[in-house]
Amino acid sequence: MADPLLASNMAYRASTTGGISFNNPTTGDGRLVLPIWAGEVINAYDQYNIFEPLVESRTISSGTTMEFPVTGYVNLNPVWAAGDELVGGMDSQATTFRVTLDKRPIASHFELDNIDLMLTQWEYRSELARQAGRTLSDARDRQIGAYIARAACEDGLAEDPRATDSRFNSSTYSAVGGLGGKIFMNSNFDNLGKASATATQRTDAALKLLEKIEEFQIRLQEVDAPTEGVYCAVEPRTFQDIRALGVARDSSDLAGGAGRPFFGGVADAGGLGAGLNQGMFNLADRLEYQGVSIIKTNHLPNANYGQFKIGESRYNRTFNVMPVKALIWQQGCIASLKMMGLKVDQVDDIRRNTVFTVASMMAGTGVMKPEHAAICVGQPGGGTTTGSNCVFADATNAFGNFAFDSNNDLLSFQRDAHGDSGPFSVTLATTPTLNDDNIREMARAAYGAAGLNGGNDNSVEAITNDGAFVPEYVKSPDAGIFSATDPRTDGLGTAAS
């Protein structure tokens, strides 16, 4: 009996009927190539993926939708007297979050003129698998990062079933839910990860970020949310600035003896981090601060995905208008859905004398708990506009005149309707009340912006976008607002198309 794993089974052109381009055979020559290579691609995907394991991730083997149960408080009778009948279902609510796969898969692809190298040389095939897996992983990372930022911009549901314990705290909600996401806007954050900023500016920005991490943890406690599984994602330079807090940068820092690195593993400084003999320069390295894991990534949402698309329109937000400097989230804020397995296809294009290879996967994302997400941003437009200038505009309103207090936190901004498609100039006069609702509304306009002031001249020029920001988590008196006819319905509201 022939050995089924003989080298001939890996051959591509061993015969005219055995090639993997011939209907991807399951028997005969070439039958092992695609399964083995697909496994190598999946391994590379898992190795490079950062965000997916840090949110609610699920894999399905069939179908397109998964529903996550949402149950609020059950009924309470504080004094159950004799003869009183208990009737359930009067105050308690239960519903589900519905998360669906995207309509179309994401795919990495390449074309080779010598497929035999891929089949017979491990070094060549492994590099192709690494690049294919990394391409898929990077794309998925950007999608999930964009969705964490989306969650921070979502309002809470007015009748969130998790916030029905309103008898004792009807104004601010004492239960999980009802709050919406959090936007931390501070002008110091302009210098997070900014190579041209001074060491003092980057240090102040890093310390301000640690302060906002503490505020986020307090926020979770105030709504009875879990405080484990909390993460903060920053760029590598920002990570290094945090890691180097307290490290001497000039001779004045050594006055009175050596410095005390904040994250140098020094017991007197809280034992944070590790000794400076450890580099911590791998992307997988992380710091721990008050129960929050600080990780690094090159995929923060800070580019114009409306121009350089990363998926469906709901992912393609104009993050360049108000770049995200740090993401802070608890893993339950969004859900990531993935179809089991990876589809790999190859076709031999005889006219071009090449072999075309595609690796594709189906994935989807949905907002579940916006109060579990926050973003740290600096001044919209990078702080390049001053005076009475408009900074950006969506299809309806223009925003500008951003002012900051002595702690560099957002103090006020102005908003007025423009009624134009740009370029245009608007004299802003209306100052909305500074609260989380209005700040989130402003952030949604920034991430669905149609125009940006690029010249500090009070003129807002049109930019490429992929439509307005359509909230998924909709305020409604009824939590059961899923559409029976629209399969795009997501979260507790209607997803963008």
Protein backbone atom coordinates (compact mmCIF):
# COMPACT_ATOMS: atom_id res chain seq x y z
CA MET A 1 0.00 0.00 0.00
CA ALA A 2 1.39 3.38 -0.95
CA ASP A 3 2.22 5.88 1.74
CA PRO A 4 -0.44 8.65 1.53
CA LEU A 5 2.08 11.27 2.65
CA LEU A 6 4.69 10.65 -0.04
CA ALA A 7 6.32 13.75 -1.47
CA SER A 8 4.55 13.13 -4.77
CA ASN A 9 1.28 14.04 -3.07
CA MET A 10 2.60 17.56 -2.67
CA ALA A 11 3.51 17.95 -6.33
CA TYR A 12 1.78 20.52 -8.47
CA ARG A 13 2.44 19.38 -12.03
CA ALA A 14 3.17 15.71 -11.43
CA SER A 15 0.42 14.92 -13.90
CA THR A 16 -2.09 16.71 -16.05
CA THR A 17 -4.93 15.79 -13.66
CA GLY A 18 -3.25 16.16 -10.30
CA GLY A 19 -2.64 19.88 -10.06
CA ILE A 20 -4.21 21.85 -7.24
CA SER A 21 -5.56 24.20 -9.87
CA PHE A 22 -7.63 21.35 -11.25
CA ASN A 23 -10.73 21.74 -9.06
CA ASN A 24 -8.58 21.57 -5.89
CA PRO A 25 -8.54 17.75 -5.77
CA THR A 26 -9.10 15.80 -2.57
CA THR A 27 -7.28 12.75 -3.87
CA GLY A 28 -4.16 12.21 -5.95
CA ASP A 29 -1.25 14.54 -6.53
CA GLY A 30 -1.54 17.96 -4.89
CA ARG A 31 -4.32 17.11 -2.46
CA LEU A 32 -2.35 18.18 0.62
CA VAL A 33 -1.05 21.52 -0.57
CA LEU A 34 -4.04 23.77 0.12
CA PRO A 35 -4.98 22.25 3.53
CA ILE A 36 -1.40 22.51 4.76
CA TRP A 37 -0.94 26.04 3.46
CA ALA A 38 -4.32 27.13 4.86
CA GLY A 39 -3.26 25.87 8.28
CA GLU A 40 -0.07 27.90 8.03
CA VAL A 41 -2.08 31.01 7.11
CA ILE A 42 -4.42 30.51 10.09
CA ASN A 43 -1.41 30.10 12.39
CA ALA A 44 0.06 33.36 11.10
CA TYR A 45 -3.32 35.10 11.51
CA ASP A 46 -3.57 34.05 15.16
CA GLN A 47 0.03 35.05 15.79
CA TYR A 48 -0.35 38.63 14.54
CA ASN A 49 -3.91 39.38 15.67
CA ILE A 50 -4.05 41.70 18.68
CA PHE A 51 -7.61 42.92 19.26
CA GLU A 52 -9.72 39.85 18.51
CA PRO A 53 -8.81 37.85 21.65
CA LEU A 54 -9.43 40.97 23.79
CA VAL A 55 -13.13 41.38 22.94
CA GLU A 56 -16.12 39.01 23.01
CA SER A 57 -15.07 36.71 20.17
CA ARG A 58 -17.21 33.89 18.83
CA THR A 59 -16.80 31.46 15.95
CA ILE A 60 -19.79 29.98 14.15
CA SER A 61 -19.83 26.98 11.85
CA SER A 62 -22.95 27.95 9.91
CA GLY A 63 -25.43 30.77 9.54
CA THR A 64 -24.70 34.50 9.57
CA THR A 65 -25.96 35.73 12.96
CA MET A 66 -25.34 35.19 16.66
CA GLU A 67 -27.50 36.61 19.42
CA PHE A 68 -26.12 37.48 22.85
CA PRO A 69 -28.65 37.49 25.71
CA VAL A 70 -29.25 40.69 27.67
CA THR A 71 -31.12 40.41 30.96
CA GLY A 72 -31.86 43.25 33.34
CA TYR A 73 -32.96 43.30 36.96
CA VAL A 74 -35.73 40.93 38.03
CA ASN A 75 -38.69 42.02 40.11
CA LEU A 76 -38.37 42.78 43.79
CA ASN A 77 -41.01 42.85 46.52
CA PRO A 78 -39.21 44.46 49.50
CA VAL A 79 -41.96 43.41 51.93
CA TRP A 80 -43.75 40.21 50.92
CA ALA A 81 -46.82 40.29 53.09
CA ALA A 82 -49.18 37.40 53.61
CA GLY A 83 -51.72 37.19 50.82
CA ASP A 84 -49.65 39.23 48.35
CA GLU A 85 -49.42 37.55 44.97
CA LEU A 86 -46.08 37.81 43.20
CA VAL A 87 -46.45 38.60 39.51
CA GLY A 88 -43.25 38.34 37.48
CA GLY A 89 -42.43 40.27 34.35
CA MET A 90 -43.67 43.68 35.45
CA ASP A 91 -40.30 45.44 35.64
CA SER A 92 -37.76 42.92 34.41
CA GLN A 93 -36.75 42.86 30.76
CA ALA A 94 -34.78 40.50 28.59
CA THR A 95 -33.68 40.81 25.00
CA THR A 96 -30.64 40.04 22.86
CA PHE A 97 -27.82 41.76 21.02
CA ARG A 98 -27.74 40.56 17.44
CA VAL A 99 -24.35 40.47 15.71
CA THR A 100 -24.10 39.50 12.05
CA LEU A 101 -21.30 38.64 9.68
CA ASP A 102 -20.35 41.26 7.13
CA LYS A 103 -21.97 40.84 3.74
CA ARG A 104 -18.71 40.11 1.95
CA PRO A 105 -15.48 38.38 3.05
CA ILE A 106 -12.06 39.96 3.42
CA ALA A 107 -9.38 38.43 1.23
CA SER A 108 -5.61 38.44 0.80
CA HIS A 109 -4.33 37.45 -2.61
CA PHE A 110 -1.18 37.17 -4.69
CA GLU A 111 0.05 35.88 -8.03
CA LEU A 112 3.12 33.70 -8.66
CA ASP A 113 4.88 32.67 -11.82
CA ASN A 114 6.63 29.69 -10.18
CA ILE A 115 4.23 27.85 -7.93
CA ASP A 116 6.68 24.96 -7.50
CA LEU A 117 8.72 27.10 -5.10
CA MET A 118 5.67 27.45 -2.86
CA LEU A 119 5.06 23.71 -2.89
CA THR A 120 8.56 22.37 -2.41
CA GLN A 121 10.44 24.98 -0.34
CA TRP A 122 9.32 25.50 3.24
CA GLU A 123 11.07 28.87 3.56
CA TYR A 124 9.24 30.20 0.52
CA ARG A 125 5.82 28.76 1.43
CA SER A 126 6.03 29.82 5.09
CA GLU A 127 6.81 33.40 4.10
CA LEU A 128 3.81 33.49 1.75
CA ALA A 129 1.62 32.04 4.51
CA ARG A 130 2.96 34.60 6.99
CA GLN A 131 2.25 37.48 4.64
CA ALA A 132 -1.23 36.22 3.77
CA GLY A 133 -2.13 35.63 7.44
CA ARG A 134 -0.69 38.95 8.52
CA THR A 135 -2.61 40.83 5.84
CA LEU A 136 -5.89 39.30 7.02
CA SER A 137 -4.94 39.88 10.66
CA ASP A 138 -4.02 43.54 10.11
CA ALA A 139 -7.29 44.17 8.28
CA ARG A 140 -9.32 42.52 11.04
CA ASP A 141 -7.39 44.41 13.72
CA ARG A 142 -8.23 47.71 12.07
CA GLN A 143 -11.91 46.74 11.86
CA ILE A 144 -12.10 45.81 15.54
CA GLY A 145 -10.14 48.90 16.60
CA ALA A 146 -12.53 51.06 14.60
CA TYR A 147 -15.47 49.36 16.28
CA ILE A 148 -14.15 49.96 19.80
CA ALA A 149 -13.96 53.65 18.85
CA ARG A 150 -17.51 53.40 17.45
CA ALA A 151 -18.72 51.93 20.74
CA ALA A 152 -17.26 54.91 22.63
CA CYS A 153 -19.34 57.22 20.40
CA GLU A 154 -22.63 55.37 20.92
CA ASP A 155 -25.37 56.67 23.23
CA GLY A 156 -26.96 54.41 25.82
CA LEU A 157 -30.34 52.89 25.12
CA ALA A 158 -33.06 54.85 26.90
CA GLU A 159 -34.73 51.65 28.12
CA ASP A 160 -31.65 49.46 28.45
CA PRO A 161 -32.81 46.27 30.19
CA ARG A 162 -29.61 46.30 32.24
CA ALA A 163 -30.49 49.72 33.65
CA THR A 164 -33.97 49.05 34.99
CA ASP A 165 -33.02 49.44 38.66
CA SER A 166 -33.96 53.11 38.36
CA ARG A 167 -36.11 53.29 41.47
CA PHE A 168 -33.08 54.28 43.53
CA ASN A 169 -31.10 56.27 40.96
CA SER A 170 -33.34 57.33 38.11
CA SER A 171 -31.15 60.19 36.91
CA THR A 172 -27.78 58.50 36.39
CA TYR A 173 -28.55 54.75 36.38
CA SER A 174 -27.08 52.64 39.14
CA ALA A 175 -27.01 49.49 37.05
CA VAL A 176 -24.91 48.41 34.12
CA GLY A 177 -26.04 50.10 30.93
CA GLY A 178 -27.84 53.26 29.97
CA LEU A 179 -24.79 55.50 29.88
CA GLY A 180 -23.22 55.23 26.45
CA GLY A 181 -19.53 55.51 25.65
CA LYS A 182 -16.96 58.00 26.91
CA ILE A 183 -14.84 60.52 25.01
CA PHE A 184 -11.77 61.80 26.87
CA MET A 185 -10.70 64.94 24.98
CA ASN A 186 -7.57 66.64 26.29
CA SER A 187 -5.16 68.84 24.35
CA ASN A 188 -2.21 67.03 25.96
CA PHE A 189 -3.18 63.97 23.93
CA ASP A 190 -1.99 65.78 20.78
CA ASN A 191 1.51 64.79 21.92
CA LEU A 192 0.80 61.10 22.52
CA GLY A 193 3.05 59.21 20.11
CA LYS A 194 4.19 62.47 18.47
CA ALA A 195 7.85 62.19 17.51
CA SER A 196 8.31 65.96 17.18
CA ALA A 197 6.97 66.70 20.70
CA THR A 198 9.41 67.44 23.48
CA ALA A 199 10.18 64.90 26.19
CA THR A 200 8.23 67.04 28.69
CA GLN A 201 5.18 67.20 26.42
CA ARG A 202 5.19 63.44 25.87
CA THR A 203 5.63 62.83 29.60
CA ASP A 204 2.68 65.08 30.45
CA ALA A 205 0.57 63.30 27.83
CA ALA A 206 1.53 59.85 29.20
CA LEU A 207 0.66 60.90 32.76
CA LYS A 208 -2.67 62.31 31.59
CA LEU A 209 -3.45 58.99 29.91
CA LEU A 210 -2.82 57.12 33.18
CA GLU A 211 -5.22 59.55 34.87
CA LYS A 212 -7.93 58.79 32.31
CA ILE A 213 -7.37 55.06 32.79
CA GLU A 214 -8.17 55.56 36.47
CA GLU A 215 -11.28 57.59 35.57
CA PHE A 216 -12.45 54.81 33.26
CA GLN A 217 -12.08 52.21 36.01
CA ILE A 218 -14.10 54.43 38.37
CA ARG A 219 -16.76 54.80 35.67
CA LEU A 220 -17.06 51.02 35.36
CA GLN A 221 -17.50 50.66 39.12
CA GLU A 222 -20.18 53.34 39.23
CA VAL A 223 -22.34 51.37 36.80
CA ASP A 224 -21.68 47.98 38.43
CA ALA A 225 -19.70 46.87 35.39
CA PRO A 226 -16.89 44.30 35.61
CA THR A 227 -13.42 45.81 36.06
CA GLU A 228 -11.43 42.78 34.97
CA GLY A 229 -10.45 42.29 31.34
CA VAL A 230 -9.80 46.01 30.82
CA TYR A 231 -7.28 47.09 28.18
CA CYS A 232 -5.68 50.25 26.87
CA ALA A 233 -4.16 50.21 23.36
CA VAL A 234 -1.60 52.82 22.34
CA GLU A 235 1.00 53.24 19.62
CA PRO A 236 4.53 51.86 20.23
CA ARG A 237 6.05 55.31 20.86
CA THR A 238 3.35 56.11 23.42
CA PHE A 239 3.97 52.73 25.06
CA GLN A 240 7.65 53.55 25.35
CA ASP A 241 6.89 57.01 26.78
CA ILE A 242 4.80 55.34 29.51
CA ARG A 243 7.47 52.71 30.08
CA ALA A 244 10.14 55.45 30.42
CA LEU A 245 8.25 57.62 32.93
CA GLY A 246 10.77 58.70 35.56
CA VAL A 247 13.82 57.74 33.49
CA ALA A 248 16.49 60.49 33.52
CA ARG A 249 16.71 62.39 30.24
CA ASP A 250 19.35 65.00 31.19
CA SER A 251 21.70 65.72 34.08
CA SER A 252 19.10 67.74 35.99
CA ASP A 253 16.99 64.60 36.33
CA LEU A 254 19.84 63.02 38.34
CA ALA A 255 19.94 65.73 41.00
CA GLY A 256 19.95 64.11 44.43
CA GLY A 257 20.73 60.68 43.02
CA ALA A 258 19.44 58.40 40.30
CA GLY A 259 15.86 58.69 39.09
CA ARG A 260 13.10 56.31 40.07
CA PRO A 261 11.54 54.81 36.93
CA PHE A 262 7.76 54.56 37.33
CA PHE A 263 7.55 51.35 35.32
CA GLY A 264 11.01 50.04 36.18
CA GLY A 265 9.92 47.35 38.61
CA VAL A 266 10.98 49.51 41.58
CA ALA A 267 9.18 48.38 44.72
CA ASP A 268 9.03 51.92 46.16
CA ALA A 269 7.31 53.09 42.98
CA GLY A 270 4.60 50.44 43.14
CA GLY A 271 6.50 47.60 41.49
CA LEU A 272 5.11 48.49 38.06
CA GLY A 273 6.69 47.18 34.88
CA ALA A 274 10.03 45.40 34.92
CA GLY A 275 13.69 46.22 35.34
CA LEU A 276 15.24 48.42 32.68
CA ASN A 277 17.46 45.53 31.66
CA GLN A 278 14.37 44.19 29.88
CA GLY A 279 13.68 45.95 26.61
CA MET A 280 9.93 45.26 26.21
CA PHE A 281 10.21 46.08 22.51
CA ASN A 282 8.07 43.24 21.17
CA LEU A 283 4.56 44.10 20.01
CA ALA A 284 3.24 41.41 22.37
CA ASP A 285 4.75 43.09 25.46
CA ARG A 286 2.37 44.84 27.85
CA LEU A 287 2.36 46.93 31.01
CA GLU A 288 -0.08 46.58 33.90
CA TYR A 289 -1.46 49.68 35.62
CA GLN A 290 -4.16 49.44 38.29
CA GLY A 291 -5.69 46.35 36.75
CA VAL A 292 -5.52 47.65 33.15
CA SER A 293 -3.30 45.96 30.57
CA ILE A 294 -1.57 48.56 28.39
CA ILE A 295 -0.79 47.06 24.99
CA LYS A 296 0.74 48.46 21.82
CA THR A 297 -0.54 48.36 18.28
CA ASN A 298 0.07 49.97 14.91
CA HIS A 299 -3.64 49.83 14.09
CA LEU A 300 -5.26 52.59 16.13
CA PRO A 301 -8.10 54.26 14.20
CA ASN A 302 -6.41 57.51 13.19
CA ALA A 303 -6.60 57.50 9.38
CA ASN A 304 -9.33 58.36 6.91
CA TYR A 305 -10.88 54.94 6.38
CA GLY A 306 -13.48 56.65 4.23
CA GLN A 307 -10.71 57.06 1.67
CA PHE A 308 -8.61 53.99 2.48
CA LYS A 309 -11.38 51.49 3.11
CA ILE A 310 -11.01 48.59 5.54
CA GLY A 311 -14.43 46.97 5.10
CA GLU A 312 -18.09 47.92 4.97
CA SER A 313 -19.11 51.55 5.40
CA ARG A 314 -19.69 51.12 9.13
CA TYR A 315 -15.93 50.54 9.56
CA ASN A 316 -14.89 53.29 7.15
CA ARG A 317 -15.01 56.33 9.41
CA THR A 318 -13.06 59.58 8.98
CA PHE A 319 -10.80 59.03 11.98
CA ASN A 320 -8.23 61.49 10.59
CA VAL A 321 -10.52 64.37 11.64
CA MET A 322 -10.14 63.50 15.34
CA PRO A 323 -7.43 60.81 15.55
CA VAL A 324 -7.75 58.28 18.35
CA LYS A 325 -4.63 58.41 20.52
CA ALA A 326 -5.65 55.59 22.87
CA LEU A 327 -8.45 53.03 23.14
CA ILE A 328 -9.67 51.98 26.59
CA TRP A 329 -12.20 49.18 26.84
CA GLN A 330 -13.57 46.29 28.79
CA GLN A 331 -13.75 43.16 26.68
CA GLY A 332 -17.56 43.08 26.68
CA CYS A 333 -17.90 46.39 24.79
CA ILE A 334 -18.14 44.79 21.34
CA ALA A 335 -18.51 41.33 19.83
CA SER A 336 -16.37 39.86 17.08
CA LEU A 337 -17.93 37.12 15.00
CA LYS A 338 -16.05 34.84 12.62
CA MET A 339 -17.01 32.00 10.34
CA MET A 340 -15.11 28.83 11.17
CA GLY A 341 -12.16 28.09 8.93
CA LEU A 342 -10.39 29.83 6.11
CA LYS A 343 -11.21 29.48 2.44
CA VAL A 344 -8.22 29.09 0.12
CA ASP A 345 -8.46 28.87 -3.66
CA GLN A 346 -5.90 28.66 -6.42
CA VAL A 347 -6.32 28.90 -10.16
CA ASP A 348 -3.78 28.32 -12.90
CA ASP A 349 -3.99 31.19 -15.41
CA ILE A 350 -2.42 29.65 -18.49
CA ARG A 351 -2.78 32.87 -20.50
CA ARG A 352 -0.61 34.76 -18.01
CA ASN A 353 1.58 31.76 -17.10
CA THR A 354 0.87 32.42 -13.41
CA VAL A 355 -0.96 30.90 -10.46
CA PHE A 356 -3.40 33.14 -8.59
CA THR A 357 -4.01 32.39 -4.88
CA VAL A 358 -6.72 33.79 -2.60
CA ALA A 359 -7.19 33.33 1.16
CA SER A 360 -10.50 34.71 2.46
CA MET A 361 -12.54 34.74 5.68
CA MET A 362 -15.96 35.89 6.83
CA ALA A 363 -16.14 38.11 9.92
CA GLY A 364 -18.48 40.60 11.55
CA THR A 365 -18.60 43.04 14.46
CA GLY A 366 -21.28 44.58 16.65
CA VAL A 367 -21.59 47.01 19.56
CA MET A 368 -22.87 45.43 22.77
CA LYS A 369 -21.99 47.62 25.76
CA PRO A 370 -20.91 51.15 24.81
CA GLU A 371 -20.43 52.14 28.45
CA HIS A 372 -17.50 49.69 28.44
CA ALA A 373 -15.55 51.72 25.86
CA ALA A 374 -13.68 55.03 25.83
CA ILE A 375 -11.33 56.84 23.48
CA CYS A 376 -8.65 59.43 24.21
CA VAL A 377 -8.39 62.18 21.60
CA GLY A 378 -6.63 65.50 21.27
CA GLN A 379 -7.82 68.63 19.54
CA PRO A 380 -9.90 67.95 16.40
CA GLY A 381 -7.92 68.69 13.29
CA GLY A 382 -4.70 68.28 15.26
CA GLY A 383 -5.07 71.69 16.88
CA THR A 384 -4.04 73.49 13.68
CA THR A 385 -7.11 75.75 13.57
CA THR A 386 -7.51 78.72 15.88
CA GLY A 387 -9.70 81.76 16.47
CA SER A 388 -13.22 81.57 15.08
CA ASN A 389 -12.30 78.90 12.51
CA CYS A 390 -14.54 75.99 11.75
CA VAL A 391 -12.59 72.77 12.21
CA PHE A 392 -14.81 70.16 10.55
CA ALA A 393 -18.36 69.58 9.36
CA ASP A 394 -20.67 66.71 8.64
CA ALA A 395 -23.56 66.89 6.19
CA THR A 396 -25.54 69.18 8.50
CA ASN A 397 -23.44 70.99 11.10
CA ALA A 398 -20.05 72.69 11.38
CA PHE A 399 -17.97 72.43 14.56
CA GLY A 400 -15.18 74.62 15.89
CA ASN A 401 -13.92 77.00 18.59
CA PHE A 402 -12.72 74.18 20.81
CA ALA A 403 -11.58 75.54 24.17
CA PHE A 404 -9.76 73.75 26.98
CA ASP A 405 -9.52 74.41 30.73
CA SER A 406 -6.45 74.71 32.95
CA ASN A 407 -6.16 70.90 33.06
CA ASN A 408 -6.29 70.86 29.24
CA ASP A 409 -9.63 69.01 29.28
CA LEU A 410 -12.35 70.07 26.86
CA LEU A 411 -14.15 73.15 28.20
CA SER A 412 -16.48 74.10 25.33
CA PHE A 413 -17.03 73.97 21.59
CA GLN A 414 -19.43 75.55 19.12
CA ARG A 415 -21.78 74.05 16.56
CA ASP A 416 -24.00 75.57 13.91
CA ALA A 417 -25.80 74.38 10.77
CA HIS A 418 -24.14 75.20 7.47
CA GLY A 419 -26.48 73.92 4.75
CA ASP A 420 -23.71 73.56 2.18
CA SER A 421 -21.55 70.81 0.72
CA GLY A 422 -18.25 72.69 1.08
CA PRO A 423 -15.96 74.38 0.81
CA PHE A 424 -17.76 76.85 3.04
CA SER A 425 -17.21 79.28 5.87
CA VAL A 426 -19.53 79.50 8.88
CA THR A 427 -19.50 81.99 11.74
CA LEU A 428 -20.07 79.75 14.75
CA ALA A 429 -22.11 81.13 17.62
CA THR A 430 -24.00 78.29 19.35
CA THR A 431 -22.29 76.66 22.33
CA PRO A 432 -23.92 73.34 23.30
CA THR A 433 -24.03 72.25 26.93
CA LEU A 434 -20.88 70.32 27.70
CA ASN A 435 -22.07 66.81 28.57
CA ASP A 436 -21.33 63.30 27.40
CA ASP A 437 -24.31 63.24 25.03
CA ASN A 438 -23.21 66.35 23.14
CA ILE A 439 -19.57 65.29 23.09
CA ARG A 440 -20.54 61.92 21.62
CA GLU A 441 -22.72 63.68 19.04
CA MET A 442 -19.74 65.83 18.09
CA ALA A 443 -17.51 62.74 17.82
CA ARG A 444 -20.02 60.97 15.57
CA ALA A 445 -20.03 64.04 13.31
CA ALA A 446 -16.21 63.99 13.22
CA TYR A 447 -16.17 60.32 12.24
CA GLY A 448 -18.74 60.92 9.52
CA ALA A 449 -17.25 64.24 8.45
CA ALA A 450 -17.75 65.59 4.96
CA GLY A 451 -15.31 68.50 5.34
CA LEU A 452 -12.13 69.43 7.22
CA ASN A 453 -10.34 72.74 7.64
CA GLY A 454 -6.93 71.94 6.25
CA GLY A 455 -5.50 75.44 6.00
CA ASN A 456 -6.37 77.31 9.20
CA ASP A 457 -8.35 79.76 7.07
CA ASN A 458 -11.91 79.33 8.37
CA SER A 459 -12.77 77.42 5.20
CA VAL A 460 -13.83 73.78 5.41
CA GLU A 461 -12.85 71.77 2.34
CA ALA A 462 -14.60 68.58 1.30
CA ILE A 463 -12.90 65.27 2.16
CA THR A 464 -13.52 61.73 0.99
CA ASN A 465 -15.83 59.81 3.29
CA ASP A 466 -18.06 56.74 3.20
CA GLY A 467 -21.28 58.26 4.47
CA ALA A 468 -22.50 59.58 7.78
CA PHE A 469 -21.95 57.84 11.10
CA VAL A 470 -25.11 55.77 11.62
CA PRO A 471 -25.41 54.70 15.27
CA GLU A 472 -26.07 51.04 15.94
CA TYR A 473 -27.08 51.53 19.55
CA VAL A 474 -30.26 53.59 19.20
CA LYS A 475 -32.13 55.42 21.94
CA SER A 476 -35.63 54.00 21.97
CA PRO A 477 -38.44 53.35 24.47
CA ASP A 478 -38.50 49.75 23.27
CA ALA A 479 -35.47 47.47 23.57
CA GLY A 480 -36.94 45.02 21.06
CA ILE A 481 -36.29 47.11 17.97
CA PHE A 482 -34.74 44.43 15.78
CA SER A 483 -35.98 44.59 12.23
CA ALA A 484 -37.76 41.50 10.91
CA THR A 485 -36.95 42.43 7.31
CA ASP A 486 -33.48 44.03 7.41
CA PRO A 487 -30.69 41.49 8.07
CA ARG A 488 -28.23 44.33 8.68
CA THR A 489 -29.84 45.10 12.02
CA ASP A 490 -27.07 44.99 14.59
CA GLY A 491 -26.54 45.67 18.30
CA LEU A 492 -29.71 47.21 19.67
CA GLY A 493 -30.27 49.44 16.66
CA THR A 494 -29.91 49.60 12.90
CA ALA A 495 -26.42 49.19 11.51
CA ALA A 496 -24.97 51.28 8.71
CA SER A 497 -25.38 49.87 5.24
